[in-house]
């Protein structure tokens, strides 16, 4: 499997990690079983709704703070634990948390960011599993500003590692042509608990 970036990190894409019929079933299970919630952020002094639904599951004590919001883990569901095991076997890594994002249609999105919170350690290793409508995933290098665009299809697995999060940002842009919903699970390893802001 070839690295899809030529420097400053590692990106691998397994387009057919889960076959379509099973991916269909898992999409419906995840949509119904997970505790999706609408979050909001304060941007420039104004509270705005996050343009997608989210959830955080993981081992006890594996809290995760990003975008100024604390997330305490909900216990693994049977479906999530099974998927975690399959992703771990593929990657040769252990994960103790998973961030779920539910994109209701092409108007939901994720802006440019890097997953480099302190609790993810110096070289975060992230495995991203997608179900439902295919969406475009873009990576942009911090210095050269080159952009790599990848289609994340139903049942695909994207893996990011090495120093990637320190040199590249990524996003899922809005796409009005997309009518269907997408579920994305990003398996992560929390290596330390961040300080909580009182």
N, C-alpha and C. Protein backbone atom coordinates (compact mmCIF):
# COMPACT_ATOMS: atom_id res chain seq x y z
N UNK A 1 0.85 -1.20 0.00
CA UNK A 1 0.00 0.00 0.00
C UNK A 1 0.89 1.24 0.00
N UNK A 2 0.70 2.12 -1.00
CA UNK A 2 1.55 3.30 -1.14
C UNK A 2 1.07 4.45 -0.26
N UNK A 3 2.03 5.17 0.30
CA UNK A 3 1.73 6.40 1.04
C UNK A 3 1.23 7.45 0.04
N UNK A 4 0.09 8.08 0.34
CA UNK A 4 -0.51 9.02 -0.61
C UNK A 4 0.06 10.44 -0.51
N UNK A 5 0.86 10.73 0.50
CA UNK A 5 1.55 12.03 0.58
C UNK A 5 3.04 11.78 0.42
N UNK A 6 3.72 12.71 -0.25
CA UNK A 6 5.13 12.48 -0.55
C UNK A 6 6.08 13.00 0.52
N UNK A 7 5.55 13.64 1.57
CA UNK A 7 6.41 14.13 2.63
C UNK A 7 5.57 14.49 3.85
N UNK A 8 6.24 14.59 4.98
CA UNK A 8 5.66 15.12 6.22
C UNK A 8 4.43 14.35 6.69
N UNK A 9 4.49 13.04 6.64
CA UNK A 9 3.39 12.25 7.19
C UNK A 9 3.04 11.05 6.35
N UNK A 10 2.03 10.34 6.80
CA UNK A 10 1.57 9.13 6.12
C UNK A 10 0.05 9.14 5.98
N UNK A 11 -0.42 8.77 4.79
CA UNK A 11 -1.85 8.64 4.51
C UNK A 11 -2.06 7.40 3.64
N UNK A 12 -2.95 6.53 4.09
CA UNK A 12 -3.26 5.31 3.34
C UNK A 12 -4.78 5.19 3.23
N UNK A 13 -5.25 4.71 2.09
CA UNK A 13 -6.68 4.57 1.86
C UNK A 13 -7.00 3.14 1.43
N UNK A 14 -7.87 2.48 2.20
CA UNK A 14 -8.36 1.15 1.88
C UNK A 14 -9.82 1.32 1.44
N UNK A 15 -10.02 1.42 0.13
CA UNK A 15 -11.33 1.83 -0.40
C UNK A 15 -12.42 0.80 -0.13
N UNK A 16 -12.08 -0.48 -0.07
CA UNK A 16 -13.08 -1.54 0.10
C UNK A 16 -12.86 -2.30 1.40
N UNK A 17 -12.59 -1.57 2.47
CA UNK A 17 -12.33 -2.23 3.75
C UNK A 17 -13.53 -3.05 4.22
N UNK A 18 -14.73 -2.51 4.04
CA UNK A 18 -15.96 -3.23 4.36
C UNK A 18 -16.82 -3.29 3.10
N UNK A 19 -17.27 -4.47 2.76
CA UNK A 19 -18.03 -4.67 1.53
C UNK A 19 -19.40 -3.98 1.61
N UNK A 20 -19.99 -3.62 0.45
CA UNK A 20 -21.20 -2.79 0.44
C UNK A 20 -22.38 -3.31 1.24
N UNK A 21 -22.71 -4.59 1.15
CA UNK A 21 -23.88 -5.10 1.85
C UNK A 21 -23.71 -4.98 3.37
N UNK A 22 -22.53 -5.32 3.86
CA UNK A 22 -22.28 -5.19 5.29
C UNK A 22 -22.23 -3.72 5.70
N UNK A 23 -21.65 -2.89 4.85
CA UNK A 23 -21.58 -1.45 5.14
C UNK A 23 -22.98 -0.85 5.22
N UNK A 24 -23.90 -1.31 4.38
CA UNK A 24 -25.29 -0.85 4.45
C UNK A 24 -25.88 -1.14 5.83
N UNK A 25 -25.69 -2.37 6.29
CA UNK A 25 -26.24 -2.78 7.59
C UNK A 25 -25.61 -1.98 8.73
N UNK A 26 -24.30 -1.79 8.66
CA UNK A 26 -23.61 -1.06 9.72
C UNK A 26 -24.02 0.41 9.76
N UNK A 27 -24.24 1.01 8.60
CA UNK A 27 -24.70 2.40 8.57
C UNK A 27 -25.99 2.54 9.35
N UNK A 28 -26.95 1.65 9.10
CA UNK A 28 -28.24 1.74 9.79
C UNK A 28 -28.08 1.50 11.29
N UNK A 29 -27.24 0.55 11.66
CA UNK A 29 -27.02 0.29 13.09
C UNK A 29 -26.41 1.50 13.78
N UNK A 30 -25.40 2.07 13.18
CA UNK A 30 -24.71 3.21 13.79
C UNK A 30 -25.63 4.43 13.88
N UNK A 31 -26.43 4.63 12.86
CA UNK A 31 -27.35 5.77 12.89
C UNK A 31 -28.36 5.63 14.02
N UNK A 32 -28.83 4.41 14.27
CA UNK A 32 -29.85 4.19 15.29
C UNK A 32 -29.27 4.04 16.69
N UNK A 33 -28.11 3.41 16.81
CA UNK A 33 -27.58 3.03 18.12
C UNK A 33 -26.79 4.13 18.83
N UNK A 34 -26.11 4.98 18.07
CA UNK A 34 -25.20 5.93 18.71
C UNK A 34 -25.95 7.18 19.20
N UNK A 35 -25.42 7.77 20.25
CA UNK A 35 -26.06 8.94 20.88
C UNK A 35 -25.59 10.22 20.20
N UNK A 36 -26.09 10.46 19.00
CA UNK A 36 -25.71 11.65 18.25
C UNK A 36 -26.25 12.90 18.93
N UNK A 37 -25.46 13.96 18.93
CA UNK A 37 -25.93 15.20 19.54
C UNK A 37 -25.44 16.40 18.73
N UNK A 38 -26.22 17.45 18.81
CA UNK A 38 -25.88 18.71 18.16
C UNK A 38 -25.07 19.55 19.16
N UNK A 39 -23.87 19.94 18.77
CA UNK A 39 -23.04 20.79 19.63
C UNK A 39 -22.97 22.19 19.06
N UNK A 40 -22.51 23.12 19.89
CA UNK A 40 -22.32 24.49 19.44
C UNK A 40 -20.97 24.99 19.92
N UNK A 41 -20.42 25.95 19.20
CA UNK A 41 -19.13 26.55 19.52
C UNK A 41 -19.28 28.06 19.57
N UNK A 42 -18.40 28.71 20.32
CA UNK A 42 -18.36 30.17 20.34
C UNK A 42 -17.27 30.62 19.40
N UNK A 43 -17.66 31.34 18.35
CA UNK A 43 -16.73 31.85 17.35
C UNK A 43 -16.91 33.35 17.26
N UNK A 44 -15.84 34.10 17.52
CA UNK A 44 -15.87 35.56 17.50
C UNK A 44 -16.99 36.10 18.39
N UNK A 45 -17.13 35.46 19.57
CA UNK A 45 -18.11 35.92 20.53
C UNK A 45 -19.54 35.53 20.24
N UNK A 46 -19.74 34.71 19.23
CA UNK A 46 -21.09 34.31 18.84
C UNK A 46 -21.21 32.80 18.86
N UNK A 47 -22.27 32.27 19.47
CA UNK A 47 -22.46 30.82 19.54
C UNK A 47 -23.12 30.33 18.25
N UNK A 48 -22.47 29.35 17.63
CA UNK A 48 -22.96 28.81 16.36
C UNK A 48 -23.05 27.29 16.47
N UNK A 49 -24.00 26.70 15.76
CA UNK A 49 -24.17 25.26 15.76
C UNK A 49 -23.08 24.60 14.92
N UNK A 50 -22.51 23.51 15.42
CA UNK A 50 -21.56 22.71 14.65
C UNK A 50 -22.32 22.09 13.46
N UNK A 51 -21.78 22.20 12.24
CA UNK A 51 -22.53 21.73 11.06
C UNK A 51 -22.46 20.22 10.83
N UNK A 52 -22.78 19.46 11.87
CA UNK A 52 -22.86 18.01 11.83
C UNK A 52 -23.24 17.56 13.24
N UNK A 53 -23.62 16.29 13.40
CA UNK A 53 -23.87 15.72 14.72
C UNK A 53 -22.65 14.92 15.15
N UNK A 54 -22.41 14.84 16.47
CA UNK A 54 -21.20 14.19 16.95
C UNK A 54 -21.50 13.27 18.13
N UNK A 55 -20.55 12.38 18.43
CA UNK A 55 -20.57 11.55 19.64
C UNK A 55 -19.15 11.09 19.93
N UNK A 56 -18.88 10.75 21.19
CA UNK A 56 -17.56 10.27 21.61
C UNK A 56 -17.74 9.05 22.49
N UNK A 57 -17.12 7.94 22.10
CA UNK A 57 -17.16 6.69 22.85
C UNK A 57 -15.72 6.27 23.15
N UNK A 58 -15.53 5.57 24.27
CA UNK A 58 -14.19 5.11 24.57
C UNK A 58 -14.07 4.40 25.89
N UNK A 59 -12.82 4.06 26.22
CA UNK A 59 -12.53 3.41 27.49
C UNK A 59 -12.80 4.38 28.64
N UNK A 60 -13.09 3.86 29.85
CA UNK A 60 -13.32 4.75 30.99
C UNK A 60 -12.16 5.71 31.23
N UNK A 61 -12.49 6.96 31.47
CA UNK A 61 -11.48 7.97 31.75
C UNK A 61 -10.82 8.59 30.54
N UNK A 62 -11.16 8.11 29.34
CA UNK A 62 -10.51 8.63 28.13
C UNK A 62 -11.28 9.84 27.59
N UNK A 63 -11.27 10.93 28.37
CA UNK A 63 -11.90 12.17 27.92
C UNK A 63 -11.12 12.80 26.79
N UNK A 64 -11.81 13.58 25.97
CA UNK A 64 -11.20 14.21 24.80
C UNK A 64 -11.73 15.63 24.70
N UNK A 65 -10.82 16.59 24.62
CA UNK A 65 -11.21 17.99 24.51
C UNK A 65 -10.75 18.54 23.16
N UNK A 66 -11.69 19.04 22.37
CA UNK A 66 -11.32 19.71 21.11
C UNK A 66 -12.31 20.84 20.86
N UNK A 67 -11.84 21.85 20.17
CA UNK A 67 -12.64 23.04 19.86
C UNK A 67 -13.27 23.64 21.13
N UNK A 68 -12.56 23.50 22.24
CA UNK A 68 -13.03 24.09 23.49
C UNK A 68 -14.15 23.34 24.17
N UNK A 69 -14.46 22.12 23.70
CA UNK A 69 -15.56 21.34 24.27
C UNK A 69 -15.00 20.05 24.87
N UNK A 70 -15.38 19.78 26.12
CA UNK A 70 -14.99 18.53 26.77
C UNK A 70 -15.94 17.40 26.37
N UNK A 71 -15.37 16.23 26.09
CA UNK A 71 -16.17 15.06 25.74
C UNK A 71 -15.78 13.92 26.66
N UNK A 72 -16.71 13.50 27.50
CA UNK A 72 -16.51 12.33 28.34
C UNK A 72 -17.00 11.11 27.59
N UNK A 73 -16.25 10.00 27.65
CA UNK A 73 -16.60 8.85 26.81
C UNK A 73 -17.86 8.13 27.26
N UNK A 74 -18.67 7.76 26.31
CA UNK A 74 -19.75 6.82 26.55
C UNK A 74 -19.19 5.42 26.36
N UNK A 75 -19.76 4.41 27.04
CA UNK A 75 -19.22 3.05 26.92
C UNK A 75 -19.35 2.52 25.49
N UNK A 76 -18.36 1.73 25.10
CA UNK A 76 -18.39 1.12 23.78
C UNK A 76 -19.68 0.32 23.56
N UNK A 77 -20.29 0.50 22.42
CA UNK A 77 -21.39 -0.39 22.03
C UNK A 77 -20.78 -1.66 21.43
N UNK A 78 -21.59 -2.69 21.30
CA UNK A 78 -21.09 -3.93 20.69
C UNK A 78 -20.63 -3.68 19.26
N UNK A 79 -21.39 -2.88 18.53
CA UNK A 79 -21.03 -2.58 17.13
C UNK A 79 -19.70 -1.84 17.06
N UNK A 80 -19.53 -0.82 17.90
CA UNK A 80 -18.28 -0.05 17.88
C UNK A 80 -17.09 -0.90 18.31
N UNK A 81 -17.29 -1.73 19.32
CA UNK A 81 -16.18 -2.57 19.79
C UNK A 81 -15.74 -3.55 18.71
N UNK A 82 -16.71 -4.11 17.98
CA UNK A 82 -16.38 -5.03 16.89
C UNK A 82 -15.62 -4.32 15.79
N UNK A 83 -16.09 -3.13 15.40
CA UNK A 83 -15.39 -2.36 14.37
C UNK A 83 -14.00 -1.96 14.83
N UNK A 84 -13.87 -1.59 16.07
CA UNK A 84 -12.56 -1.22 16.62
C UNK A 84 -11.58 -2.38 16.46
N UNK A 85 -12.03 -3.59 16.79
CA UNK A 85 -11.16 -4.75 16.66
C UNK A 85 -10.72 -4.99 15.22
N UNK A 86 -11.62 -4.79 14.28
CA UNK A 86 -11.27 -5.00 12.87
C UNK A 86 -10.29 -3.95 12.38
N UNK A 87 -10.49 -2.70 12.80
CA UNK A 87 -9.57 -1.62 12.40
C UNK A 87 -8.21 -1.83 13.06
N UNK A 88 -8.20 -2.23 14.32
CA UNK A 88 -6.93 -2.50 15.00
C UNK A 88 -6.15 -3.61 14.31
N UNK A 89 -6.84 -4.65 13.88
CA UNK A 89 -6.17 -5.75 13.18
C UNK A 89 -5.57 -5.28 11.86
N UNK A 90 -6.26 -4.39 11.17
CA UNK A 90 -5.76 -3.87 9.89
C UNK A 90 -4.55 -2.96 10.11
N UNK A 91 -4.61 -2.13 11.15
CA UNK A 91 -3.58 -1.10 11.36
C UNK A 91 -2.42 -1.57 12.23
N UNK A 92 -2.62 -2.63 13.01
CA UNK A 92 -1.58 -3.04 13.94
C UNK A 92 -1.41 -2.05 15.08
N UNK A 93 -2.48 -1.37 15.45
CA UNK A 93 -2.48 -0.37 16.53
C UNK A 93 -3.66 -0.61 17.45
N UNK A 94 -3.55 -0.08 18.67
CA UNK A 94 -4.65 -0.15 19.63
C UNK A 94 -5.28 1.22 19.76
N UNK A 95 -6.61 1.26 19.86
CA UNK A 95 -7.35 2.50 20.02
C UNK A 95 -8.17 2.45 21.30
N UNK A 96 -8.32 3.60 21.96
CA UNK A 96 -9.14 3.63 23.19
C UNK A 96 -10.28 4.64 23.12
N UNK A 97 -10.51 5.21 21.94
CA UNK A 97 -11.62 6.13 21.77
C UNK A 97 -12.00 6.26 20.30
N UNK A 98 -13.23 6.69 20.07
CA UNK A 98 -13.68 6.93 18.70
C UNK A 98 -14.59 8.15 18.68
N UNK A 99 -14.32 9.05 17.76
CA UNK A 99 -15.16 10.22 17.53
C UNK A 99 -16.07 9.94 16.35
N UNK A 100 -17.37 10.05 16.57
CA UNK A 100 -18.33 9.86 15.49
C UNK A 100 -18.81 11.20 14.96
N UNK A 101 -18.90 11.31 13.64
CA UNK A 101 -19.48 12.49 12.99
C UNK A 101 -20.58 12.02 12.05
N UNK A 102 -21.73 12.65 12.16
CA UNK A 102 -22.88 12.32 11.31
C UNK A 102 -23.16 13.53 10.42
N UNK A 103 -22.91 13.37 9.12
CA UNK A 103 -23.16 14.42 8.13
C UNK A 103 -24.53 14.13 7.52
N UNK A 104 -25.51 14.97 7.81
CA UNK A 104 -26.87 14.67 7.40
C UNK A 104 -27.08 14.79 5.90
N UNK A 105 -26.33 15.65 5.26
CA UNK A 105 -26.34 15.80 3.80
C UNK A 105 -25.12 16.63 3.43
N UNK A 106 -25.05 17.08 2.17
CA UNK A 106 -23.89 17.82 1.70
C UNK A 106 -23.72 19.20 2.31
N UNK A 107 -24.74 19.71 3.03
CA UNK A 107 -24.60 21.00 3.69
C UNK A 107 -23.82 20.88 5.00
N UNK A 108 -23.76 19.68 5.58
CA UNK A 108 -22.93 19.46 6.76
C UNK A 108 -21.48 19.33 6.34
N UNK A 109 -20.57 19.77 7.19
CA UNK A 109 -19.17 19.83 6.78
C UNK A 109 -18.25 19.82 7.99
N UNK A 110 -16.95 19.81 7.70
CA UNK A 110 -15.89 19.94 8.70
C UNK A 110 -14.86 20.90 8.11
N UNK A 111 -14.55 21.98 8.82
CA UNK A 111 -13.61 22.97 8.31
C UNK A 111 -12.16 22.52 8.44
N UNK A 112 -11.25 23.32 7.88
CA UNK A 112 -9.83 23.01 7.95
C UNK A 112 -9.38 22.92 9.40
N UNK A 113 -8.67 21.85 9.73
CA UNK A 113 -8.15 21.66 11.09
C UNK A 113 -7.10 20.56 11.06
N UNK A 114 -6.39 20.42 12.17
CA UNK A 114 -5.47 19.31 12.38
C UNK A 114 -5.79 18.67 13.72
N UNK A 115 -5.70 17.37 13.79
CA UNK A 115 -5.97 16.63 15.03
C UNK A 115 -4.67 16.52 15.82
N UNK A 116 -4.31 17.60 16.49
CA UNK A 116 -3.04 17.61 17.22
C UNK A 116 -3.22 18.06 18.67
N UNK A 117 -4.35 17.72 19.25
CA UNK A 117 -4.57 18.02 20.66
C UNK A 117 -3.52 17.27 21.50
N UNK A 118 -3.09 17.87 22.62
CA UNK A 118 -2.02 17.25 23.42
C UNK A 118 -2.31 15.82 23.83
N UNK A 119 -3.58 15.51 24.12
CA UNK A 119 -3.89 14.16 24.59
C UNK A 119 -3.75 13.08 23.52
N UNK A 120 -3.53 13.49 22.25
CA UNK A 120 -3.31 12.51 21.19
C UNK A 120 -1.84 12.16 21.01
N UNK A 121 -0.95 12.82 21.78
CA UNK A 121 0.47 12.53 21.70
C UNK A 121 1.17 13.27 20.57
N UNK A 122 2.50 13.09 20.46
CA UNK A 122 3.28 13.87 19.48
C UNK A 122 3.08 13.46 18.03
N UNK A 123 2.65 12.23 17.79
CA UNK A 123 2.44 11.75 16.41
C UNK A 123 1.13 10.98 16.35
N UNK A 124 0.00 11.68 16.34
CA UNK A 124 -1.30 11.01 16.37
C UNK A 124 -1.48 10.02 15.22
N UNK A 125 -2.02 8.87 15.55
CA UNK A 125 -2.35 7.85 14.55
C UNK A 125 -3.87 7.72 14.56
N UNK A 126 -4.50 8.01 13.44
CA UNK A 126 -5.96 8.08 13.36
C UNK A 126 -6.45 7.21 12.21
N UNK A 127 -7.45 6.39 12.49
CA UNK A 127 -8.06 5.54 11.47
C UNK A 127 -9.51 5.96 11.30
N UNK A 128 -9.87 6.34 10.08
CA UNK A 128 -11.16 6.97 9.79
C UNK A 128 -11.99 6.06 8.90
N UNK A 129 -13.11 5.59 9.45
CA UNK A 129 -13.98 4.64 8.76
C UNK A 129 -15.26 5.36 8.32
N UNK A 130 -15.63 5.21 7.04
CA UNK A 130 -16.76 5.95 6.47
C UNK A 130 -17.87 5.02 6.01
N UNK A 131 -19.12 5.47 6.24
CA UNK A 131 -20.31 4.76 5.78
C UNK A 131 -21.28 5.77 5.18
N UNK A 132 -22.01 5.33 4.17
CA UNK A 132 -23.04 6.19 3.58
C UNK A 132 -22.54 6.94 2.36
N UNK A 133 -23.08 8.13 2.17
CA UNK A 133 -22.76 8.92 0.97
C UNK A 133 -21.27 9.23 0.90
N UNK A 134 -20.69 9.07 -0.28
CA UNK A 134 -19.28 9.41 -0.48
C UNK A 134 -19.09 10.92 -0.34
N UNK A 135 -18.03 11.30 0.34
CA UNK A 135 -17.70 12.72 0.49
C UNK A 135 -16.24 12.94 0.12
N UNK A 136 -15.95 14.14 -0.31
CA UNK A 136 -14.58 14.52 -0.65
C UNK A 136 -13.83 14.90 0.62
N UNK A 137 -12.64 14.34 0.80
CA UNK A 137 -11.77 14.62 1.94
C UNK A 137 -10.53 15.30 1.39
N UNK A 138 -10.21 16.48 1.91
CA UNK A 138 -9.08 17.24 1.40
C UNK A 138 -8.02 17.43 2.47
N UNK A 139 -6.76 17.30 2.05
CA UNK A 139 -5.61 17.62 2.90
C UNK A 139 -4.84 18.76 2.25
N UNK A 140 -4.39 19.71 3.07
CA UNK A 140 -3.64 20.87 2.56
C UNK A 140 -2.35 21.03 3.36
N UNK A 141 -1.24 21.07 2.65
CA UNK A 141 0.06 21.22 3.32
C UNK A 141 0.22 22.64 3.86
N UNK A 142 0.72 22.76 5.08
CA UNK A 142 0.79 24.08 5.73
C UNK A 142 1.72 25.05 5.03
N UNK A 143 2.82 24.57 4.42
CA UNK A 143 3.78 25.48 3.79
C UNK A 143 3.51 25.65 2.29
N UNK A 144 3.41 24.55 1.58
CA UNK A 144 3.26 24.64 0.12
C UNK A 144 1.82 24.94 -0.30
N UNK A 145 0.85 24.66 0.59
CA UNK A 145 -0.59 24.85 0.32
C UNK A 145 -1.12 23.93 -0.78
N UNK A 146 -0.32 22.93 -1.16
CA UNK A 146 -0.84 21.94 -2.11
C UNK A 146 -2.00 21.19 -1.46
N UNK A 147 -2.94 20.75 -2.27
CA UNK A 147 -4.12 20.06 -1.76
C UNK A 147 -4.21 18.67 -2.39
N UNK A 148 -4.42 17.69 -1.53
CA UNK A 148 -4.70 16.33 -1.96
C UNK A 148 -6.17 16.05 -1.69
N UNK A 149 -6.91 15.65 -2.71
CA UNK A 149 -8.34 15.40 -2.59
C UNK A 149 -8.61 13.91 -2.76
N UNK A 150 -9.31 13.32 -1.78
CA UNK A 150 -9.58 11.89 -1.80
C UNK A 150 -11.08 11.64 -1.65
N UNK A 151 -11.65 10.72 -2.42
CA UNK A 151 -13.05 10.34 -2.21
C UNK A 151 -13.14 9.28 -1.12
N UNK A 152 -13.90 9.58 -0.06
CA UNK A 152 -14.10 8.60 1.00
C UNK A 152 -15.44 7.92 0.75
N UNK A 153 -15.37 6.70 0.26
CA UNK A 153 -16.56 5.98 -0.17
C UNK A 153 -17.13 5.12 0.95
N UNK A 154 -18.29 4.57 0.71
CA UNK A 154 -19.03 3.70 1.62
C UNK A 154 -18.18 2.47 1.97
N UNK A 155 -17.82 2.33 3.25
CA UNK A 155 -17.02 1.19 3.69
C UNK A 155 -15.53 1.39 3.60
N UNK A 156 -15.06 2.61 3.29
CA UNK A 156 -13.63 2.86 3.15
C UNK A 156 -12.97 3.15 4.50
N UNK A 157 -11.66 2.90 4.56
CA UNK A 157 -10.85 3.17 5.74
C UNK A 157 -9.67 4.03 5.34
N UNK A 158 -9.55 5.21 5.95
CA UNK A 158 -8.44 6.13 5.74
C UNK A 158 -7.58 6.13 6.99
N UNK A 159 -6.28 6.01 6.81
CA UNK A 159 -5.35 5.99 7.94
C UNK A 159 -4.37 7.15 7.82
N UNK A 160 -4.20 7.90 8.91
CA UNK A 160 -3.26 9.02 8.94
C UNK A 160 -2.29 8.82 10.10
N UNK A 161 -0.99 9.04 9.86
CA UNK A 161 -0.01 8.83 10.91
C UNK A 161 1.25 9.62 10.71
N UNK A 162 2.25 9.32 11.55
CA UNK A 162 3.51 10.05 11.52
C UNK A 162 3.31 11.50 11.92
N UNK A 163 4.12 12.42 11.36
CA UNK A 163 3.99 13.83 11.71
C UNK A 163 2.92 14.57 10.92
N UNK A 164 2.01 13.84 10.26
CA UNK A 164 1.03 14.46 9.34
C UNK A 164 0.28 15.61 9.98
N UNK A 165 -0.22 15.44 11.21
CA UNK A 165 -1.08 16.46 11.83
C UNK A 165 -0.35 17.75 12.12
N UNK A 166 0.98 17.73 12.12
CA UNK A 166 1.76 18.94 12.37
C UNK A 166 2.12 19.68 11.08
N UNK A 167 1.91 19.04 9.93
CA UNK A 167 2.31 19.64 8.65
C UNK A 167 1.16 19.80 7.66
N UNK A 168 0.06 19.13 7.90
CA UNK A 168 -1.08 19.18 7.01
C UNK A 168 -2.34 19.48 7.82
N UNK A 169 -3.31 20.13 7.17
CA UNK A 169 -4.66 20.26 7.72
C UNK A 169 -5.61 19.49 6.81
N UNK A 170 -6.79 19.19 7.30
CA UNK A 170 -7.74 18.45 6.49
C UNK A 170 -9.15 18.96 6.75
N UNK A 171 -10.05 18.63 5.81
CA UNK A 171 -11.45 19.06 5.94
C UNK A 171 -12.35 18.17 5.11
N UNK A 172 -13.65 18.26 5.40
CA UNK A 172 -14.71 17.71 4.56
C UNK A 172 -15.55 18.90 4.14
N UNK A 173 -15.37 19.42 2.92
CA UNK A 173 -16.09 20.63 2.51
C UNK A 173 -17.57 20.38 2.23
N UNK A 174 -18.35 21.45 2.26
CA UNK A 174 -19.75 21.36 1.85
C UNK A 174 -19.81 20.91 0.39
N UNK A 175 -20.85 20.17 0.08
CA UNK A 175 -21.06 19.71 -1.29
C UNK A 175 -22.56 19.61 -1.54
N UNK A 176 -23.18 20.69 -2.07
CA UNK A 176 -24.64 20.71 -2.25
C UNK A 176 -25.17 19.57 -3.13
N UNK A 177 -24.30 18.97 -3.94
CA UNK A 177 -24.74 17.88 -4.81
C UNK A 177 -25.00 16.59 -4.03
N UNK A 178 -24.48 16.49 -2.81
CA UNK A 178 -24.65 15.28 -2.01
C UNK A 178 -25.98 15.36 -1.25
N UNK A 179 -26.87 14.42 -1.50
CA UNK A 179 -28.18 14.41 -0.84
C UNK A 179 -28.24 13.43 0.33
N UNK A 180 -27.38 12.42 0.30
CA UNK A 180 -27.44 11.38 1.31
C UNK A 180 -26.63 11.70 2.56
N UNK A 181 -26.82 10.88 3.59
CA UNK A 181 -26.12 11.05 4.86
C UNK A 181 -24.84 10.22 4.88
N UNK A 182 -23.91 10.65 5.73
CA UNK A 182 -22.64 9.94 5.89
C UNK A 182 -22.31 9.84 7.38
N UNK A 183 -21.81 8.70 7.79
CA UNK A 183 -21.29 8.51 9.14
C UNK A 183 -19.80 8.24 9.04
N UNK A 184 -19.04 8.96 9.86
CA UNK A 184 -17.59 8.79 9.90
C UNK A 184 -17.17 8.47 11.33
N UNK A 185 -16.37 7.43 11.50
CA UNK A 185 -15.84 7.05 12.81
C UNK A 185 -14.33 7.20 12.76
N UNK A 186 -13.77 8.07 13.61
CA UNK A 186 -12.32 8.23 13.65
C UNK A 186 -11.79 7.65 14.95
N UNK A 187 -11.13 6.51 14.83
CA UNK A 187 -10.56 5.81 15.98
C UNK A 187 -9.24 6.47 16.36
N UNK A 188 -9.09 6.75 17.67
CA UNK A 188 -7.93 7.48 18.17
C UNK A 188 -7.39 6.82 19.42
N UNK A 189 -6.17 7.22 19.79
CA UNK A 189 -5.57 6.75 21.03
C UNK A 189 -5.27 7.95 21.92
N UNK A 190 -5.95 8.03 23.03
CA UNK A 190 -5.70 9.08 24.01
C UNK A 190 -4.52 8.63 24.87
N UNK A 191 -3.47 9.45 24.91
CA UNK A 191 -2.26 9.08 25.65
C UNK A 191 -2.13 9.86 26.94
N UNK A 192 -2.94 10.88 27.12
CA UNK A 192 -2.91 11.67 28.35
C UNK A 192 -4.20 12.44 28.47
N UNK A 193 -4.61 12.73 29.68
CA UNK A 193 -5.85 13.47 29.91
C UNK A 193 -5.53 14.96 29.99
N UNK A 194 -6.15 15.80 29.16
CA UNK A 194 -5.85 17.23 29.18
C UNK A 194 -6.39 17.90 30.43
N UNK A 195 -5.80 19.01 30.84
CA UNK A 195 -6.35 19.75 31.98
C UNK A 195 -7.71 20.32 31.62
N UNK A 196 -8.63 20.29 32.58
CA UNK A 196 -9.96 20.80 32.34
C UNK A 196 -10.03 22.28 32.74
N UNK A 197 -10.71 23.06 31.94
CA UNK A 197 -10.88 24.47 32.24
C UNK A 197 -12.06 24.64 33.18
N UNK A 198 -11.87 25.24 34.35
CA UNK A 198 -12.99 25.36 35.31
C UNK A 198 -14.11 26.22 34.76
